[in-house]
Amino acid sequence: MNPPEPPAVFEEPWQAQAFALTVHLHQTGAFSWAEWTTTLGEVIATGAARGEAAGSSRYYHHWLDALEALVARRGLTDPDSLARVKADWARAYQETAHGQSVELGAAPSSFYDRPILTPPRPGLPVDQSRPCEPLSSSSRAGPGA
């Protein structure tokens, strides 16, 4: 007899992706784990103040909200760019037939023409006073590259 399957940690693929991205950004020095946990705690507390139950299905929505806030605060993106990309994904979702993979079509070139910001190299201390350094245009790839 086989043992029962353990419960899934993530209910949706985007939850695993948000988790992995958070861990990756931390490991590459974009932010400290203490800064991450503080930001996540603040977002969860805000949800609780709105009456959301602890441990609710909103946990990974809070996770994503905290990640968005933190990458904007650390200068890895700006709120306007983030809002544009979120709107593009929402539009793609609405325009995708049921049962089909949601894909972001050709993104506006202005999004890919902006500098890509990268965290410092692994092992270096996180400097909370400065945003991450942009990559040179020759070291980044746009869509389809």
N, C-alpha and C. Protein backbone atom coordinates (compact mmCIF):
# COMPACT_ATOMS: atom_id res chain seq x y z
N MET A 1 0.84 -1.18 0.00
CA MET A 1 0.00 0.00 0.00
C MET A 1 0.89 1.25 0.00
N ASN A 2 0.57 2.19 -0.84
CA ASN A 2 1.34 3.42 -0.94
C ASN A 2 0.87 4.43 0.10
N PRO A 3 1.83 5.19 0.66
CA PRO A 3 1.42 6.23 1.60
C PRO A 3 0.65 7.32 0.86
N PRO A 4 -0.23 8.03 1.57
CA PRO A 4 -0.99 9.10 0.90
C PRO A 4 -0.06 10.22 0.44
N GLU A 5 -0.47 10.85 -0.64
CA GLU A 5 0.29 11.99 -1.17
C GLU A 5 0.23 13.15 -0.19
N PRO A 6 1.36 13.82 0.03
CA PRO A 6 1.30 15.00 0.90
C PRO A 6 0.49 16.09 0.21
N PRO A 7 -0.11 16.98 0.98
CA PRO A 7 -0.89 18.07 0.36
C PRO A 7 0.02 18.98 -0.45
N ALA A 8 -0.53 19.55 -1.48
CA ALA A 8 0.24 20.47 -2.33
C ALA A 8 0.60 21.72 -1.53
N VAL A 9 1.83 22.18 -1.73
CA VAL A 9 2.27 23.40 -1.07
C VAL A 9 1.66 24.61 -1.80
N PHE A 10 1.57 24.51 -3.11
CA PHE A 10 1.05 25.61 -3.92
C PHE A 10 -0.21 25.14 -4.63
N GLU A 11 -1.22 25.98 -4.62
CA GLU A 11 -2.46 25.64 -5.30
C GLU A 11 -2.42 26.00 -6.78
N GLU A 12 -1.61 26.98 -7.13
CA GLU A 12 -1.53 27.47 -8.51
C GLU A 12 -0.06 27.65 -8.89
N PRO A 13 0.28 27.48 -10.18
CA PRO A 13 1.67 27.66 -10.61
C PRO A 13 2.24 29.04 -10.29
N TRP A 14 1.42 30.10 -10.36
CA TRP A 14 1.94 31.44 -10.12
C TRP A 14 2.43 31.59 -8.68
N GLN A 15 1.85 30.82 -7.76
CA GLN A 15 2.29 30.88 -6.37
C GLN A 15 3.71 30.34 -6.24
N ALA A 16 3.98 29.23 -6.88
CA ALA A 16 5.33 28.66 -6.87
C ALA A 16 6.32 29.61 -7.54
N GLN A 17 5.89 30.26 -8.62
CA GLN A 17 6.76 31.19 -9.33
C GLN A 17 7.08 32.41 -8.47
N ALA A 18 6.08 32.93 -7.77
CA ALA A 18 6.32 34.08 -6.88
C ALA A 18 7.25 33.69 -5.75
N PHE A 19 7.06 32.50 -5.20
CA PHE A 19 7.93 32.00 -4.13
C PHE A 19 9.37 31.88 -4.64
N ALA A 20 9.53 31.23 -5.79
CA ALA A 20 10.88 31.03 -6.35
C ALA A 20 11.55 32.36 -6.67
N LEU A 21 10.81 33.29 -7.22
CA LEU A 21 11.38 34.61 -7.55
C LEU A 21 11.84 35.33 -6.29
N THR A 22 11.05 35.25 -5.24
CA THR A 22 11.42 35.88 -3.97
C THR A 22 12.71 35.29 -3.43
N VAL A 23 12.79 33.97 -3.42
CA VAL A 23 14.00 33.31 -2.92
C VAL A 23 15.20 33.67 -3.79
N HIS A 24 15.02 33.68 -5.10
CA HIS A 24 16.10 34.03 -6.01
C HIS A 24 16.60 35.46 -5.78
N LEU A 25 15.67 36.39 -5.68
CA LEU A 25 16.08 37.78 -5.46
C LEU A 25 16.82 37.94 -4.13
N HIS A 26 16.36 37.26 -3.11
CA HIS A 26 17.06 37.29 -1.83
C HIS A 26 18.46 36.69 -1.98
N GLN A 27 18.57 35.54 -2.62
CA GLN A 27 19.86 34.86 -2.75
C GLN A 27 20.86 35.66 -3.58
N THR A 28 20.37 36.48 -4.49
CA THR A 28 21.27 37.29 -5.30
C THR A 28 21.56 38.65 -4.67
N GLY A 29 21.01 38.89 -3.48
CA GLY A 29 21.35 40.10 -2.74
C GLY A 29 20.44 41.29 -2.99
N ALA A 30 19.30 41.07 -3.62
CA ALA A 30 18.41 42.20 -3.90
C ALA A 30 17.82 42.78 -2.62
N PHE A 31 17.62 41.92 -1.61
CA PHE A 31 17.11 42.37 -0.32
C PHE A 31 17.45 41.32 0.72
N SER A 32 17.47 41.74 1.96
CA SER A 32 17.73 40.80 3.05
C SER A 32 16.46 40.03 3.39
N TRP A 33 16.63 38.87 4.03
CA TRP A 33 15.45 38.10 4.41
C TRP A 33 14.65 38.85 5.47
N ALA A 34 15.34 39.57 6.35
CA ALA A 34 14.64 40.36 7.36
C ALA A 34 13.77 41.43 6.70
N GLU A 35 14.28 42.07 5.66
CA GLU A 35 13.49 43.07 4.94
C GLU A 35 12.27 42.40 4.28
N TRP A 36 12.48 41.20 3.73
CA TRP A 36 11.36 40.48 3.12
C TRP A 36 10.29 40.14 4.14
N THR A 37 10.69 39.55 5.26
CA THR A 37 9.69 39.12 6.25
C THR A 37 8.95 40.31 6.85
N THR A 38 9.65 41.42 7.02
CA THR A 38 8.99 42.62 7.53
C THR A 38 7.95 43.11 6.53
N THR A 39 8.31 43.16 5.26
CA THR A 39 7.38 43.63 4.23
C THR A 39 6.18 42.70 4.12
N LEU A 40 6.42 41.40 4.11
CA LEU A 40 5.31 40.44 4.04
C LEU A 40 4.41 40.58 5.26
N GLY A 41 5.00 40.73 6.44
CA GLY A 41 4.21 40.90 7.66
C GLY A 41 3.34 42.14 7.62
N GLU A 42 3.88 43.23 7.07
CA GLU A 42 3.11 44.46 6.95
C GLU A 42 1.91 44.28 6.03
N VAL A 43 2.13 43.59 4.90
CA VAL A 43 1.04 43.36 3.95
C VAL A 43 -0.03 42.46 4.57
N ILE A 44 0.38 41.42 5.26
CA ILE A 44 -0.58 40.52 5.92
C ILE A 44 -1.35 41.28 7.00
N ALA A 45 -0.66 42.13 7.77
CA ALA A 45 -1.34 42.92 8.81
C ALA A 45 -2.37 43.86 8.20
N THR A 46 -2.05 44.43 7.05
CA THR A 46 -3.00 45.30 6.36
C THR A 46 -4.24 44.50 5.95
N GLY A 47 -4.03 43.27 5.47
CA GLY A 47 -5.16 42.41 5.12
C GLY A 47 -6.00 42.06 6.34
N ALA A 48 -5.33 41.77 7.45
CA ALA A 48 -6.06 41.46 8.69
C ALA A 48 -6.88 42.65 9.15
N ALA A 49 -6.34 43.85 8.99
CA ALA A 49 -7.06 45.06 9.39
C ALA A 49 -8.32 45.25 8.52
N ARG A 50 -8.28 44.69 7.30
CA ARG A 50 -9.47 44.75 6.42
C ARG A 50 -10.44 43.62 6.72
N GLY A 51 -10.09 42.77 7.69
CA GLY A 51 -10.99 41.69 8.08
C GLY A 51 -10.71 40.35 7.42
N GLU A 52 -9.57 40.21 6.74
CA GLU A 52 -9.24 38.93 6.12
C GLU A 52 -8.82 37.93 7.19
N ALA A 53 -9.29 36.71 7.08
CA ALA A 53 -8.96 35.67 8.06
C ALA A 53 -7.50 35.27 7.94
N ALA A 54 -6.87 35.00 9.08
CA ALA A 54 -5.49 34.52 9.09
C ALA A 54 -5.43 33.18 8.38
N GLY A 55 -4.37 32.99 7.59
CA GLY A 55 -4.21 31.74 6.87
C GLY A 55 -5.19 31.56 5.73
N SER A 56 -5.78 32.65 5.30
CA SER A 56 -6.79 32.58 4.24
C SER A 56 -6.16 32.27 2.89
N SER A 57 -6.99 32.07 1.92
CA SER A 57 -6.52 31.78 0.56
C SER A 57 -5.81 33.00 -0.05
N ARG A 58 -5.84 34.10 0.64
CA ARG A 58 -5.18 35.32 0.16
C ARG A 58 -3.68 35.34 0.45
N TYR A 59 -3.15 34.30 1.12
CA TYR A 59 -1.74 34.33 1.55
C TYR A 59 -0.79 34.63 0.39
N TYR A 60 -0.92 33.92 -0.72
CA TYR A 60 0.01 34.17 -1.83
C TYR A 60 -0.31 35.46 -2.58
N HIS A 61 -1.52 35.95 -2.46
CA HIS A 61 -1.80 37.29 -2.98
C HIS A 61 -1.03 38.31 -2.14
N HIS A 62 -1.01 38.10 -0.83
CA HIS A 62 -0.21 38.96 0.05
C HIS A 62 1.27 38.83 -0.30
N TRP A 63 1.70 37.61 -0.54
CA TRP A 63 3.10 37.35 -0.90
C TRP A 63 3.46 38.17 -2.14
N LEU A 64 2.61 38.09 -3.16
CA LEU A 64 2.87 38.82 -4.39
C LEU A 64 2.82 40.34 -4.16
N ASP A 65 1.86 40.81 -3.38
CA ASP A 65 1.80 42.25 -3.07
C ASP A 65 3.07 42.71 -2.36
N ALA A 66 3.55 41.89 -1.43
CA ALA A 66 4.78 42.24 -0.71
C ALA A 66 5.98 42.25 -1.65
N LEU A 67 6.05 41.28 -2.54
CA LEU A 67 7.15 41.22 -3.50
C LEU A 67 7.14 42.44 -4.42
N GLU A 68 5.96 42.80 -4.91
CA GLU A 68 5.85 43.98 -5.77
C GLU A 68 6.29 45.24 -5.03
N ALA A 69 5.85 45.38 -3.79
CA ALA A 69 6.22 46.56 -3.01
C ALA A 69 7.73 46.61 -2.78
N LEU A 70 8.30 45.46 -2.47
CA LEU A 70 9.73 45.42 -2.14
C LEU A 70 10.60 45.68 -3.37
N VAL A 71 10.26 45.09 -4.52
CA VAL A 71 11.10 45.34 -5.69
C VAL A 71 10.97 46.79 -6.16
N ALA A 72 9.82 47.39 -5.96
CA ALA A 72 9.69 48.81 -6.30
C ALA A 72 10.51 49.66 -5.33
N ARG A 73 10.43 49.35 -4.05
CA ARG A 73 11.17 50.11 -3.03
C ARG A 73 12.68 49.98 -3.23
N ARG A 74 13.14 48.81 -3.66
CA ARG A 74 14.57 48.59 -3.86
C ARG A 74 15.06 49.06 -5.22
N GLY A 75 14.15 49.57 -6.05
CA GLY A 75 14.55 50.12 -7.34
C GLY A 75 14.74 49.07 -8.43
N LEU A 76 14.21 47.86 -8.24
CA LEU A 76 14.32 46.83 -9.27
C LEU A 76 13.31 47.05 -10.39
N THR A 77 12.28 47.82 -10.10
CA THR A 77 11.30 48.25 -11.09
C THR A 77 10.68 49.53 -10.56
N ASP A 78 9.86 50.14 -11.36
CA ASP A 78 9.14 51.31 -10.88
C ASP A 78 7.64 51.00 -10.93
N PRO A 79 6.85 51.64 -10.10
CA PRO A 79 5.42 51.33 -10.03
C PRO A 79 4.69 51.46 -11.37
N ASP A 80 5.07 52.44 -12.19
CA ASP A 80 4.40 52.61 -13.48
C ASP A 80 4.66 51.43 -14.41
N SER A 81 5.91 50.97 -14.48
CA SER A 81 6.24 49.81 -15.33
C SER A 81 5.52 48.57 -14.82
N LEU A 82 5.50 48.40 -13.53
CA LEU A 82 4.83 47.25 -12.94
C LEU A 82 3.34 47.28 -13.27
N ALA A 83 2.71 48.44 -13.16
CA ALA A 83 1.29 48.58 -13.46
C ALA A 83 1.01 48.28 -14.93
N ARG A 84 1.90 48.73 -15.83
CA ARG A 84 1.69 48.47 -17.26
C ARG A 84 1.77 46.97 -17.56
N VAL A 85 2.76 46.30 -16.99
CA VAL A 85 2.90 44.87 -17.25
C VAL A 85 1.73 44.09 -16.66
N LYS A 86 1.29 44.47 -15.46
CA LYS A 86 0.12 43.81 -14.87
C LYS A 86 -1.12 44.01 -15.75
N ALA A 87 -1.29 45.20 -16.29
CA ALA A 87 -2.43 45.47 -17.17
C ALA A 87 -2.33 44.64 -18.45
N ASP A 88 -1.12 44.50 -19.00
CA ASP A 88 -0.93 43.67 -20.20
C ASP A 88 -1.31 42.22 -19.91
N TRP A 89 -0.90 41.70 -18.75
CA TRP A 89 -1.25 40.31 -18.40
C TRP A 89 -2.75 40.17 -18.17
N ALA A 90 -3.37 41.14 -17.53
CA ALA A 90 -4.82 41.08 -17.31
C ALA A 90 -5.55 41.08 -18.64
N ARG A 91 -5.10 41.90 -19.57
CA ARG A 91 -5.72 41.95 -20.90
C ARG A 91 -5.53 40.62 -21.62
N ALA A 92 -4.32 40.05 -21.54
CA ALA A 92 -4.05 38.76 -22.19
C ALA A 92 -4.93 37.67 -21.59
N TYR A 93 -5.13 37.71 -20.28
CA TYR A 93 -5.98 36.72 -19.61
C TYR A 93 -7.42 36.82 -20.11
N GLN A 94 -7.91 38.05 -20.22
CA GLN A 94 -9.28 38.26 -20.66
C GLN A 94 -9.49 37.87 -22.12
N GLU A 95 -8.44 37.95 -22.92
CA GLU A 95 -8.55 37.67 -24.35
C GLU A 95 -8.21 36.23 -24.71
N THR A 96 -7.84 35.41 -23.72
CA THR A 96 -7.46 34.03 -23.98
C THR A 96 -8.66 33.11 -23.80
N ALA A 97 -8.85 32.23 -24.76
CA ALA A 97 -9.96 31.28 -24.71
C ALA A 97 -9.77 30.33 -23.53
N HIS A 98 -10.88 29.91 -22.93
CA HIS A 98 -10.85 28.98 -21.80
C HIS A 98 -10.07 27.72 -22.18
N GLY A 99 -9.20 27.29 -21.28
CA GLY A 99 -8.42 26.08 -21.50
C GLY A 99 -7.12 26.30 -22.24
N GLN A 100 -6.89 27.49 -22.71
CA GLN A 100 -5.65 27.81 -23.44
C GLN A 100 -4.66 28.47 -22.49
N SER A 101 -3.38 28.33 -22.81
CA SER A 101 -2.34 29.00 -22.02
C SER A 101 -2.41 30.50 -22.25
N VAL A 102 -2.29 31.25 -21.17
CA VAL A 102 -2.27 32.70 -21.28
C VAL A 102 -0.85 33.12 -21.62
N GLU A 103 -0.71 33.84 -22.70
CA GLU A 103 0.61 34.32 -23.12
C GLU A 103 0.53 35.81 -23.36
N LEU A 104 1.60 36.46 -22.98
CA LEU A 104 1.69 37.89 -23.21
C LEU A 104 2.18 38.09 -24.63
N GLY A 105 1.38 38.77 -25.43
CA GLY A 105 1.75 39.01 -26.83
C GLY A 105 2.94 39.95 -26.91
N ALA A 106 3.16 40.47 -28.06
CA ALA A 106 4.28 41.38 -28.26
C ALA A 106 4.14 42.56 -27.31
N ALA A 107 5.08 42.67 -26.41
CA ALA A 107 5.04 43.76 -25.43
C ALA A 107 5.49 45.05 -26.09
N PRO A 108 5.00 46.16 -25.58
CA PRO A 108 5.45 47.44 -26.12
C PRO A 108 6.96 47.53 -26.02
N SER A 109 7.61 47.99 -27.08
CA SER A 109 9.06 48.04 -27.08
C SER A 109 9.60 48.95 -25.98
N SER A 110 8.82 49.93 -25.56
CA SER A 110 9.30 50.84 -24.52
C SER A 110 9.59 50.08 -23.22
N PHE A 111 8.85 49.00 -22.95
CA PHE A 111 9.12 48.22 -21.74
C PHE A 111 10.47 47.54 -21.84
N TYR A 112 10.79 46.96 -23.00
CA TYR A 112 12.04 46.24 -23.15
C TYR A 112 13.23 47.14 -23.44
N ASP A 113 12.96 48.39 -23.79
CA ASP A 113 14.05 49.32 -24.04
C ASP A 113 14.61 49.95 -22.77
N ARG A 114 13.87 49.84 -21.67
CA ARG A 114 14.36 50.43 -20.42
C ARG A 114 15.48 49.56 -19.85
N PRO A 115 16.35 50.12 -19.02
CA PRO A 115 17.42 49.32 -18.42
C PRO A 115 16.85 48.20 -17.55
N ILE A 116 17.51 47.06 -17.59
CA ILE A 116 17.16 45.96 -16.71
C ILE A 116 18.02 46.11 -15.46
N LEU A 117 17.38 46.16 -14.31
CA LEU A 117 18.11 46.34 -13.07
C LEU A 117 18.41 44.98 -12.45
N THR A 118 19.62 44.82 -12.01
CA THR A 118 20.03 43.55 -11.43
C THR A 118 20.55 43.77 -10.02
N PRO A 119 20.37 42.79 -9.17
CA PRO A 119 20.91 42.89 -7.82
C PRO A 119 22.42 42.70 -7.84
N PRO A 120 23.09 43.04 -6.76
CA PRO A 120 24.53 42.83 -6.69
C PRO A 120 24.85 41.34 -6.74
N ARG A 121 26.10 41.00 -6.94
CA ARG A 121 26.54 39.61 -7.02
C ARG A 121 26.29 38.88 -5.70
N PRO A 122 26.01 37.56 -5.78
CA PRO A 122 25.81 36.77 -4.55
C PRO A 122 27.02 36.88 -3.63
N GLY A 123 26.75 36.87 -2.35
CA GLY A 123 27.82 36.92 -1.36
C GLY A 123 28.21 38.32 -0.94
N LEU A 124 27.80 39.32 -1.72
CA LEU A 124 28.10 40.69 -1.35
C LEU A 124 27.03 41.20 -0.40
N PRO A 125 27.38 42.04 0.55
CA PRO A 125 26.36 42.55 1.45
C PRO A 125 25.35 43.41 0.70
N VAL A 126 24.13 43.40 1.19
CA VAL A 126 23.07 44.21 0.58
C VAL A 126 23.23 45.64 1.06
N ASP A 127 23.37 46.56 0.12
CA ASP A 127 23.46 47.98 0.46
C ASP A 127 22.06 48.55 0.36
N GLN A 128 21.41 48.78 1.49
CA GLN A 128 20.03 49.24 1.52
C GLN A 128 19.88 50.68 1.04
N SER A 129 20.99 51.39 0.86
CA SER A 129 20.90 52.80 0.51
C SER A 129 20.90 53.07 -0.98
N ARG A 130 21.18 52.06 -1.79
CA ARG A 130 21.24 52.31 -3.23
C ARG A 130 20.46 51.24 -3.98
N PRO A 131 19.85 51.63 -5.11
CA PRO A 131 19.17 50.62 -5.93
C PRO A 131 20.20 49.77 -6.65
N CYS A 132 19.76 48.69 -7.21
CA CYS A 132 20.64 47.80 -7.94
C CYS A 132 21.12 48.46 -9.22
N GLU A 133 22.22 47.96 -9.76
CA GLU A 133 22.85 48.55 -10.93
C GLU A 133 22.20 48.06 -12.22
N PRO A 134 22.02 48.96 -13.22
CA PRO A 134 21.46 48.51 -14.50
C PRO A 134 22.50 47.70 -15.29
N LEU A 135 22.03 46.72 -16.07
CA LEU A 135 22.88 46.00 -16.98
C LEU A 135 23.14 46.88 -18.19
N SER A 136 24.26 46.66 -18.87
CA SER A 136 24.49 47.38 -20.11
C SER A 136 23.55 46.79 -21.17
N SER A 137 23.24 47.57 -22.19
CA SER A 137 22.29 47.10 -23.19
C SER A 137 22.83 45.90 -23.94
N SER A 138 24.15 45.72 -24.02
CA SER A 138 24.71 44.57 -24.73
C SER A 138 24.60 43.29 -23.93
N SER A 139 24.33 43.36 -22.62
CA SER A 139 24.28 42.16 -21.80
C SER A 139 22.87 41.70 -21.49
N ARG A 140 21.87 42.31 -22.10
CA ARG A 140 20.50 41.90 -21.83
C ARG A 140 19.83 41.46 -23.12
N ALA A 141 18.84 40.65 -22.96
CA ALA A 141 18.11 40.14 -24.11
C ALA A 141 16.65 40.50 -23.98
N GLY A 142 16.04 40.85 -25.08
CA GLY A 142 14.62 41.15 -25.08
C GLY A 142 13.82 39.89 -25.41
N PRO A 143 12.56 40.04 -25.74
CA PRO A 143 11.73 38.89 -26.04
C PRO A 143 12.22 38.17 -27.28
N GLY A 144 12.22 36.86 -27.22
CA GLY A 144 12.61 36.05 -28.37
C GLY A 144 14.10 35.97 -28.59
N ALA A 145 14.89 36.53 -27.72
CA ALA A 145 16.34 36.50 -27.92
C ALA A 145 16.93 35.22 -27.37
